[in-house]
Amino acid sequence: MKKKAGRKPMDVELAAKLRDSFIELVSDGLSARKACAIEGMPSFMTISRWLRDDAEFRDKYRLAMELRAQKIDDDIDDAIEQMRYGDLDAQQARVVIDTYKWRAAKLYPRFYGENQKVEHEHKVVSFVDELKLAAAQIEAQKLEDKTIDGEAEEK
């Protein structure tokens, strides 16, 4: 039986440098596939494996995606400036800005998304039970009002 030619394991230091470089590229606004297309960067499959197997790298990637969304927010500001100075037509600016807004919402929905999460707790209470509780509190208050503080003398 023939053995498959396996991948040559990557040097640990080189892998760490490549991971950091990849995270930096994504933070600066590149997509994962575009970052992987740069010569010397690992393949998209390698990045996918790192994301699947390495929790620390996965957390750094999530942060990089949030930073990428903030970069898109900066790009929206640039489009607004271009429109103000006449370099971009208002309709073109609207299309560009709407596209950037959509992308930012997909990359970092918690911050740039349009959906808001509203939490509400509803406690089901019986009206009769509440009336009984109120009556008991009133009776307890009446008993307190009839109680006389002091010492009793014995004869």
N, C-alpha and C. Protein backbone atom coordinates (compact mmCIF):
# COMPACT_ATOMS: atom_id res chain seq x y z
N MET A 1 0.84 -1.18 0.00
CA MET A 1 0.00 0.00 0.00
C MET A 1 0.89 1.25 0.00
N LYS A 2 0.54 2.18 -0.82
CA LYS A 2 1.31 3.41 -0.96
C LYS A 2 0.90 4.43 0.09
N LYS A 3 1.89 5.08 0.69
CA LYS A 3 1.59 6.16 1.64
C LYS A 3 1.38 7.45 0.87
N LYS A 4 0.44 8.25 1.38
CA LYS A 4 0.23 9.57 0.78
C LYS A 4 1.35 10.49 1.23
N ALA A 5 1.74 11.35 0.33
CA ALA A 5 2.75 12.35 0.69
C ALA A 5 2.09 13.36 1.62
N GLY A 6 2.56 13.44 2.84
CA GLY A 6 1.96 14.35 3.81
C GLY A 6 2.53 15.75 3.69
N ARG A 7 1.84 16.67 4.35
CA ARG A 7 2.34 18.04 4.38
C ARG A 7 3.54 18.11 5.30
N LYS A 8 4.44 18.94 4.93
CA LYS A 8 5.60 19.17 5.78
C LYS A 8 5.15 20.09 6.92
N PRO A 9 5.41 19.69 8.17
CA PRO A 9 4.96 20.54 9.28
C PRO A 9 5.63 21.91 9.25
N MET A 10 4.85 22.92 9.59
CA MET A 10 5.35 24.29 9.58
C MET A 10 6.11 24.58 10.87
N ASP A 11 7.19 25.29 10.76
CA ASP A 11 7.98 25.73 11.90
C ASP A 11 7.08 26.54 12.84
N VAL A 12 7.19 26.32 14.14
CA VAL A 12 6.33 26.97 15.12
C VAL A 12 6.49 28.49 15.09
N GLU A 13 7.72 28.97 15.01
CA GLU A 13 7.95 30.42 14.97
C GLU A 13 7.39 31.03 13.69
N LEU A 14 7.59 30.34 12.58
CA LEU A 14 7.06 30.83 11.30
C LEU A 14 5.54 30.87 11.34
N ALA A 15 4.93 29.82 11.89
CA ALA A 15 3.47 29.78 11.99
C ALA A 15 2.95 30.94 12.83
N ALA A 16 3.61 31.24 13.94
CA ALA A 16 3.19 32.34 14.80
C ALA A 16 3.29 33.68 14.07
N LYS A 17 4.38 33.86 13.30
CA LYS A 17 4.55 35.11 12.53
C LYS A 17 3.48 35.22 11.45
N LEU A 18 3.19 34.11 10.78
CA LEU A 18 2.17 34.12 9.73
C LEU A 18 0.79 34.41 10.32
N ARG A 19 0.51 33.85 11.47
CA ARG A 19 -0.78 34.11 12.12
C ARG A 19 -0.91 35.59 12.45
N ASP A 20 0.15 36.16 13.03
CA ASP A 20 0.11 37.58 13.38
C ASP A 20 -0.04 38.46 12.13
N SER A 21 0.67 38.10 11.07
CA SER A 21 0.59 38.86 9.82
C SER A 21 -0.82 38.78 9.23
N PHE A 22 -1.39 37.60 9.26
CA PHE A 22 -2.75 37.41 8.75
C PHE A 22 -3.75 38.25 9.53
N ILE A 23 -3.66 38.19 10.87
CA ILE A 23 -4.57 38.97 11.72
C ILE A 23 -4.42 40.46 11.43
N GLU A 24 -3.20 40.91 11.23
CA GLU A 24 -2.96 42.33 10.93
C GLU A 24 -3.59 42.72 9.60
N LEU A 25 -3.45 41.86 8.59
CA LEU A 25 -4.04 42.16 7.27
C LEU A 25 -5.56 42.24 7.35
N VAL A 26 -6.17 41.32 8.09
CA VAL A 26 -7.63 41.35 8.23
C VAL A 26 -8.06 42.58 9.02
N SER A 27 -7.32 42.93 10.05
CA SER A 27 -7.63 44.13 10.85
C SER A 27 -7.56 45.39 9.99
N ASP A 28 -6.65 45.38 9.00
CA ASP A 28 -6.50 46.54 8.12
C ASP A 28 -7.55 46.60 7.02
N GLY A 29 -8.44 45.60 6.95
CA GLY A 29 -9.56 45.69 6.01
C GLY A 29 -9.61 44.62 4.94
N LEU A 30 -8.61 43.76 4.84
CA LEU A 30 -8.65 42.72 3.81
C LEU A 30 -9.54 41.57 4.25
N SER A 31 -10.17 40.91 3.29
CA SER A 31 -10.91 39.69 3.60
C SER A 31 -9.90 38.58 3.83
N ALA A 32 -10.34 37.49 4.42
CA ALA A 32 -9.45 36.36 4.69
C ALA A 32 -8.89 35.80 3.39
N ARG A 33 -9.72 35.67 2.37
CA ARG A 33 -9.25 35.12 1.09
C ARG A 33 -8.24 36.04 0.42
N LYS A 34 -8.46 37.34 0.49
CA LYS A 34 -7.50 38.27 -0.12
C LYS A 34 -6.18 38.26 0.65
N ALA A 35 -6.26 38.14 1.97
CA ALA A 35 -5.03 38.07 2.77
C ALA A 35 -4.25 36.80 2.43
N CYS A 36 -4.98 35.71 2.22
CA CYS A 36 -4.32 34.43 1.88
C CYS A 36 -3.72 34.46 0.47
N ALA A 37 -4.24 35.31 -0.38
CA ALA A 37 -3.75 35.38 -1.76
C ALA A 37 -2.39 36.09 -1.86
N ILE A 38 -2.01 36.80 -0.81
CA ILE A 38 -0.72 37.50 -0.81
C ILE A 38 0.39 36.46 -0.72
N GLU A 39 1.41 36.66 -1.53
CA GLU A 39 2.52 35.70 -1.56
C GLU A 39 3.18 35.57 -0.19
N GLY A 40 3.42 34.33 0.20
CA GLY A 40 4.05 34.05 1.47
C GLY A 40 3.07 33.79 2.59
N MET A 41 1.79 34.10 2.37
CA MET A 41 0.77 33.86 3.39
C MET A 41 0.27 32.43 3.26
N PRO A 42 -0.22 31.86 4.36
CA PRO A 42 -0.75 30.49 4.30
C PRO A 42 -2.02 30.43 3.46
N SER A 43 -2.37 29.23 3.04
CA SER A 43 -3.56 29.04 2.23
C SER A 43 -4.82 29.27 3.08
N PHE A 44 -5.93 29.45 2.39
CA PHE A 44 -7.20 29.63 3.09
C PHE A 44 -7.55 28.38 3.89
N MET A 45 -7.20 27.22 3.37
CA MET A 45 -7.46 25.96 4.09
C MET A 45 -6.67 25.91 5.40
N THR A 46 -5.44 26.39 5.38
CA THR A 46 -4.63 26.42 6.61
C THR A 46 -5.26 27.37 7.62
N ILE A 47 -5.69 28.53 7.15
CA ILE A 47 -6.36 29.50 8.04
C ILE A 47 -7.62 28.88 8.62
N SER A 48 -8.39 28.20 7.78
CA SER A 48 -9.62 27.55 8.25
C SER A 48 -9.32 26.51 9.32
N ARG A 49 -8.26 25.76 9.14
CA ARG A 49 -7.86 24.75 10.13
C ARG A 49 -7.45 25.43 11.43
N TRP A 50 -6.68 26.52 11.32
CA TRP A 50 -6.29 27.25 12.53
C TRP A 50 -7.51 27.79 13.26
N LEU A 51 -8.46 28.31 12.52
CA LEU A 51 -9.67 28.84 13.14
C LEU A 51 -10.45 27.73 13.84
N ARG A 52 -10.47 26.57 13.24
CA ARG A 52 -11.20 25.45 13.82
C ARG A 52 -10.51 24.90 15.07
N ASP A 53 -9.17 24.82 15.04
CA ASP A 53 -8.44 24.11 16.07
C ASP A 53 -7.82 24.98 17.16
N ASP A 54 -7.67 26.27 16.93
CA ASP A 54 -6.94 27.13 17.86
C ASP A 54 -7.85 28.23 18.40
N ALA A 55 -8.27 28.08 19.66
CA ALA A 55 -9.20 29.05 20.27
C ALA A 55 -8.61 30.45 20.36
N GLU A 56 -7.31 30.55 20.67
CA GLU A 56 -6.68 31.86 20.78
C GLU A 56 -6.66 32.57 19.42
N PHE A 57 -6.32 31.84 18.37
CA PHE A 57 -6.32 32.42 17.02
C PHE A 57 -7.74 32.82 16.62
N ARG A 58 -8.72 31.98 16.98
CA ARG A 58 -10.13 32.28 16.67
C ARG A 58 -10.55 33.58 17.34
N ASP A 59 -10.15 33.78 18.61
CA ASP A 59 -10.49 35.03 19.31
C ASP A 59 -9.83 36.24 18.66
N LYS A 60 -8.57 36.08 18.27
CA LYS A 60 -7.87 37.18 17.59
C LYS A 60 -8.54 37.50 16.25
N TYR A 61 -9.00 36.46 15.56
CA TYR A 61 -9.67 36.67 14.27
C TYR A 61 -10.99 37.42 14.47
N ARG A 62 -11.73 37.06 15.51
CA ARG A 62 -12.99 37.78 15.80
C ARG A 62 -12.72 39.26 16.04
N LEU A 63 -11.68 39.54 16.82
CA LEU A 63 -11.31 40.94 17.08
C LEU A 63 -10.89 41.62 15.78
N ALA A 64 -10.14 40.91 14.95
CA ALA A 64 -9.71 41.47 13.66
C ALA A 64 -10.93 41.80 12.79
N MET A 65 -11.95 40.96 12.83
CA MET A 65 -13.16 41.23 12.06
C MET A 65 -13.89 42.47 12.58
N GLU A 66 -13.88 42.65 13.89
CA GLU A 66 -14.47 43.86 14.47
C GLU A 66 -13.70 45.09 14.02
N LEU A 67 -12.37 44.99 14.02
CA LEU A 67 -11.55 46.11 13.56
C LEU A 67 -11.76 46.37 12.07
N ARG A 68 -11.96 45.30 11.31
CA ARG A 68 -12.25 45.45 9.88
C ARG A 68 -13.56 46.22 9.70
N ALA A 69 -14.55 45.92 10.52
CA ALA A 69 -15.82 46.65 10.45
C ALA A 69 -15.62 48.12 10.79
N GLN A 70 -14.75 48.41 11.75
CA GLN A 70 -14.46 49.81 12.08
C GLN A 70 -13.74 50.50 10.93
N LYS A 71 -12.90 49.77 10.23
CA LYS A 71 -12.23 50.31 9.03
C LYS A 71 -13.28 50.67 7.99
N ILE A 72 -14.28 49.83 7.85
CA ILE A 72 -15.37 50.13 6.90
C ILE A 72 -16.11 51.38 7.33
N ASP A 73 -16.27 51.58 8.63
CA ASP A 73 -16.88 52.80 9.13
C ASP A 73 -16.05 54.02 8.72
N ASP A 74 -14.74 53.89 8.77
CA ASP A 74 -13.86 54.96 8.29
C ASP A 74 -14.05 55.19 6.79
N ASP A 75 -14.23 54.11 6.04
CA ASP A 75 -14.46 54.23 4.60
C ASP A 75 -15.77 54.97 4.31
N ILE A 76 -16.77 54.77 5.17
CA ILE A 76 -18.03 55.51 5.02
C ILE A 76 -17.77 57.00 5.20
N ASP A 77 -16.98 57.35 6.21
CA ASP A 77 -16.63 58.76 6.42
C ASP A 77 -15.90 59.33 5.20
N ASP A 78 -15.01 58.52 4.61
CA ASP A 78 -14.29 58.96 3.41
C ASP A 78 -15.25 59.21 2.25
N ALA A 79 -16.24 58.34 2.09
CA ALA A 79 -17.22 58.51 1.01
C ALA A 79 -18.03 59.79 1.22
N ILE A 80 -18.36 60.07 2.46
CA ILE A 80 -19.11 61.31 2.76
C ILE A 80 -18.26 62.53 2.40
N GLU A 81 -16.98 62.49 2.76
CA GLU A 81 -16.08 63.60 2.43
C GLU A 81 -15.95 63.77 0.91
N GLN A 82 -15.83 62.65 0.19
CA GLN A 82 -15.73 62.72 -1.28
C GLN A 82 -16.97 63.35 -1.88
N MET A 83 -18.14 63.03 -1.31
CA MET A 83 -19.37 63.62 -1.80
C MET A 83 -19.40 65.12 -1.51
N ARG A 84 -18.97 65.51 -0.34
CA ARG A 84 -18.96 66.93 0.03
C ARG A 84 -18.10 67.77 -0.91
N TYR A 85 -16.96 67.19 -1.31
CA TYR A 85 -16.03 67.93 -2.16
C TYR A 85 -16.29 67.71 -3.65
N GLY A 86 -17.37 67.02 -3.98
CA GLY A 86 -17.75 66.86 -5.38
C GLY A 86 -17.02 65.75 -6.12
N ASP A 87 -16.23 64.95 -5.43
CA ASP A 87 -15.54 63.85 -6.09
C ASP A 87 -16.45 62.65 -6.31
N LEU A 88 -17.59 62.64 -5.65
CA LEU A 88 -18.52 61.53 -5.74
C LEU A 88 -19.93 62.09 -5.81
N ASP A 89 -20.70 61.64 -6.77
CA ASP A 89 -22.09 62.04 -6.92
C ASP A 89 -22.90 61.55 -5.71
N ALA A 90 -23.95 62.27 -5.35
CA ALA A 90 -24.75 61.92 -4.17
C ALA A 90 -25.34 60.51 -4.29
N GLN A 91 -25.82 60.16 -5.49
CA GLN A 91 -26.40 58.83 -5.69
C GLN A 91 -25.32 57.75 -5.58
N GLN A 92 -24.15 58.02 -6.14
CA GLN A 92 -23.04 57.07 -6.02
C GLN A 92 -22.64 56.91 -4.56
N ALA A 93 -22.58 58.01 -3.85
CA ALA A 93 -22.22 57.97 -2.43
C ALA A 93 -23.23 57.15 -1.64
N ARG A 94 -24.51 57.30 -1.97
CA ARG A 94 -25.55 56.54 -1.27
C ARG A 94 -25.34 55.04 -1.47
N VAL A 95 -25.05 54.64 -2.71
CA VAL A 95 -24.83 53.22 -3.00
C VAL A 95 -23.59 52.71 -2.24
N VAL A 96 -22.52 53.48 -2.29
CA VAL A 96 -21.28 53.09 -1.60
C VAL A 96 -21.53 52.98 -0.09
N ILE A 97 -22.16 53.97 0.47
CA ILE A 97 -22.38 54.00 1.91
C ILE A 97 -23.31 52.87 2.34
N ASP A 98 -24.39 52.63 1.59
CA ASP A 98 -25.30 51.53 1.93
C ASP A 98 -24.59 50.19 1.87
N THR A 99 -23.72 50.02 0.88
CA THR A 99 -22.95 48.77 0.77
C THR A 99 -22.01 48.61 1.95
N TYR A 100 -21.32 49.69 2.30
CA TYR A 100 -20.41 49.63 3.45
C TYR A 100 -21.19 49.34 4.74
N LYS A 101 -22.34 49.97 4.90
CA LYS A 101 -23.14 49.74 6.10
C LYS A 101 -23.57 48.27 6.19
N TRP A 102 -23.98 47.70 5.07
CA TRP A 102 -24.40 46.31 5.04
C TRP A 102 -23.24 45.40 5.43
N ARG A 103 -22.06 45.67 4.85
CA ARG A 103 -20.89 44.84 5.14
C ARG A 103 -20.48 44.96 6.61
N ALA A 104 -20.49 46.15 7.15
CA ALA A 104 -20.12 46.35 8.55
C ALA A 104 -21.11 45.60 9.47
N ALA A 105 -22.39 45.64 9.12
CA ALA A 105 -23.40 44.94 9.92
C ALA A 105 -23.19 43.43 9.88
N LYS A 106 -22.71 42.92 8.75
CA LYS A 106 -22.45 41.47 8.65
C LYS A 106 -21.18 41.09 9.40
N LEU A 107 -20.17 41.95 9.39
CA LEU A 107 -18.91 41.64 10.05
C LEU A 107 -19.00 41.78 11.56
N TYR A 108 -19.77 42.75 12.03
CA TYR A 108 -19.85 43.03 13.46
C TYR A 108 -21.28 43.44 13.81
N PRO A 109 -22.20 42.47 13.76
CA PRO A 109 -23.62 42.79 13.93
C PRO A 109 -23.97 43.35 15.30
N ARG A 110 -23.21 42.95 16.32
CA ARG A 110 -23.53 43.43 17.67
C ARG A 110 -23.40 44.95 17.76
N PHE A 111 -22.48 45.52 16.99
CA PHE A 111 -22.25 46.97 17.06
C PHE A 111 -22.91 47.71 15.90
N TYR A 112 -22.79 47.17 14.68
CA TYR A 112 -23.28 47.87 13.50
C TYR A 112 -24.60 47.32 12.96
N GLY A 113 -25.10 46.24 13.55
CA GLY A 113 -26.35 45.65 13.08
C GLY A 113 -27.54 46.54 13.40
N GLU A 114 -28.61 46.32 12.68
CA GLU A 114 -29.81 47.14 12.87
C GLU A 114 -30.79 46.53 13.86
N ASN A 115 -30.63 45.26 14.18
CA ASN A 115 -31.53 44.61 15.11
C ASN A 115 -31.11 44.92 16.53
N GLN A 116 -32.09 45.24 17.34
CA GLN A 116 -31.82 45.48 18.74
C GLN A 116 -32.47 44.37 19.54
N LYS A 117 -31.75 43.89 20.53
CA LYS A 117 -32.27 42.82 21.36
C LYS A 117 -32.89 43.45 22.60
N VAL A 118 -34.16 43.19 22.80
CA VAL A 118 -34.88 43.71 23.95
C VAL A 118 -35.29 42.52 24.80
N GLU A 119 -34.90 42.56 26.06
CA GLU A 119 -35.26 41.48 26.97
C GLU A 119 -36.36 41.96 27.89
N HIS A 120 -37.33 41.09 28.08
CA HIS A 120 -38.46 41.42 28.94
C HIS A 120 -38.82 40.18 29.73
N GLU A 121 -39.01 40.37 31.02
CA GLU A 121 -39.41 39.25 31.87
C GLU A 121 -40.85 39.47 32.28
N HIS A 122 -41.66 38.47 32.04
CA HIS A 122 -43.08 38.56 32.38
C HIS A 122 -43.38 37.50 33.42
N LYS A 123 -43.86 37.94 34.55
CA LYS A 123 -44.19 37.02 35.63
C LYS A 123 -45.71 36.88 35.67
N VAL A 124 -46.17 35.65 35.52
CA VAL A 124 -47.61 35.40 35.55
C VAL A 124 -48.03 35.26 37.00
N VAL A 125 -48.95 36.12 37.42
CA VAL A 125 -49.41 36.13 38.80
C VAL A 125 -50.94 36.10 38.79
N SER A 126 -51.49 35.30 39.67
CA SER A 126 -52.95 35.21 39.79
C SER A 126 -53.46 36.46 40.51
N PHE A 127 -54.52 37.02 39.98
CA PHE A 127 -55.12 38.20 40.58
C PHE A 127 -55.65 37.86 41.96
N VAL A 128 -56.24 36.68 42.12
CA VAL A 128 -56.79 36.26 43.40
C VAL A 128 -55.67 36.10 44.43
N ASP A 129 -54.52 35.52 43.99
CA ASP A 129 -53.39 35.36 44.91
C ASP A 129 -52.86 36.72 45.37
N GLU A 130 -52.84 37.66 44.46
CA GLU A 130 -52.38 39.01 44.83
C GLU A 130 -53.34 39.66 45.82
N LEU A 131 -54.65 39.45 45.65
CA LEU A 131 -55.63 40.00 46.61
C LEU A 131 -55.46 39.37 47.99
N LYS A 132 -55.22 38.06 48.03
CA LYS A 132 -55.00 37.37 49.30
C LYS A 132 -53.74 37.90 49.98
N LEU A 133 -52.69 38.12 49.22
CA LEU A 133 -51.44 38.65 49.76
C LEU A 133 -51.66 40.05 50.33
N ALA A 134 -52.41 40.88 49.62
CA ALA A 134 -52.70 42.24 50.09
C ALA A 134 -53.53 42.19 51.36
N ALA A 135 -54.51 41.30 51.42
CA ALA A 135 -55.35 41.18 52.62
C ALA A 135 -54.51 40.74 53.82
N ALA A 136 -53.61 39.80 53.58
CA ALA A 136 -52.74 39.33 54.68
C ALA A 136 -51.85 40.46 55.17
N GLN A 137 -51.33 41.29 54.28
CA GLN A 137 -50.49 42.41 54.69
C GLN A 137 -51.29 43.43 55.48
N ILE A 138 -52.55 43.64 55.10
CA ILE A 138 -53.41 44.59 55.83
C ILE A 138 -53.69 44.06 57.23
N GLU A 139 -53.98 42.76 57.35
CA GLU A 139 -54.23 42.15 58.66
C GLU A 139 -52.99 42.25 59.55
N ALA A 140 -51.82 42.01 58.96
CA ALA A 140 -50.58 42.10 59.74
C ALA A 140 -50.37 43.52 60.23
N GLN A 141 -50.69 44.49 59.41
CA GLN A 141 -50.55 45.90 59.80
C GLN A 141 -51.52 46.24 60.93
N LYS A 142 -52.76 45.72 60.88
CA LYS A 142 -53.76 45.98 61.94
C LYS A 142 -53.28 45.40 63.26
N LEU A 143 -52.70 44.21 63.22
CA LEU A 143 -52.19 43.59 64.45
C LEU A 143 -51.04 44.40 65.03
N GLU A 144 -50.18 44.92 64.19
CA GLU A 144 -49.07 45.75 64.67
C GLU A 144 -49.60 47.03 65.32
N ASP A 145 -50.66 47.61 64.74
CA ASP A 145 -51.21 48.85 65.27
C ASP A 145 -51.85 48.62 66.65
N LYS A 146 -52.38 47.43 66.93
CA LYS A 146 -53.02 47.14 68.21
C LYS A 146 -52.03 46.75 69.29
N THR A 147 -50.82 46.43 68.93
CA THR A 147 -49.81 46.02 69.88
C THR A 147 -49.30 47.23 70.64
N ILE A 148 -49.22 47.08 71.95
CA ILE A 148 -48.74 48.15 72.81
C ILE A 148 -47.38 47.76 73.33
N ASP A 149 -46.42 48.64 73.12
CA ASP A 149 -45.08 48.37 73.61
C ASP A 149 -45.01 48.83 75.07
N GLY A 150 -44.28 48.12 75.85
CA GLY A 150 -44.08 48.51 77.27
C GLY A 150 -43.94 47.29 78.13
N GLU A 151 -43.85 47.52 79.42
CA GLU A 151 -43.71 46.42 80.37
C GLU A 151 -44.98 46.29 81.17
N ALA A 152 -45.29 45.06 81.49
CA ALA A 152 -46.50 44.81 82.29
C ALA A 152 -46.09 44.70 83.77
N GLU A 153 -46.94 45.24 84.61
CA GLU A 153 -46.69 45.15 86.06
C GLU A 153 -47.53 44.03 86.64
N GLU A 154 -46.93 43.30 87.50
CA GLU A 154 -47.68 42.24 88.16
C GLU A 154 -48.14 42.74 89.51
N LYS A 155 -49.34 42.40 89.92
CA LYS A 155 -49.88 42.82 91.22
C LYS A 155 -50.00 41.66 92.13
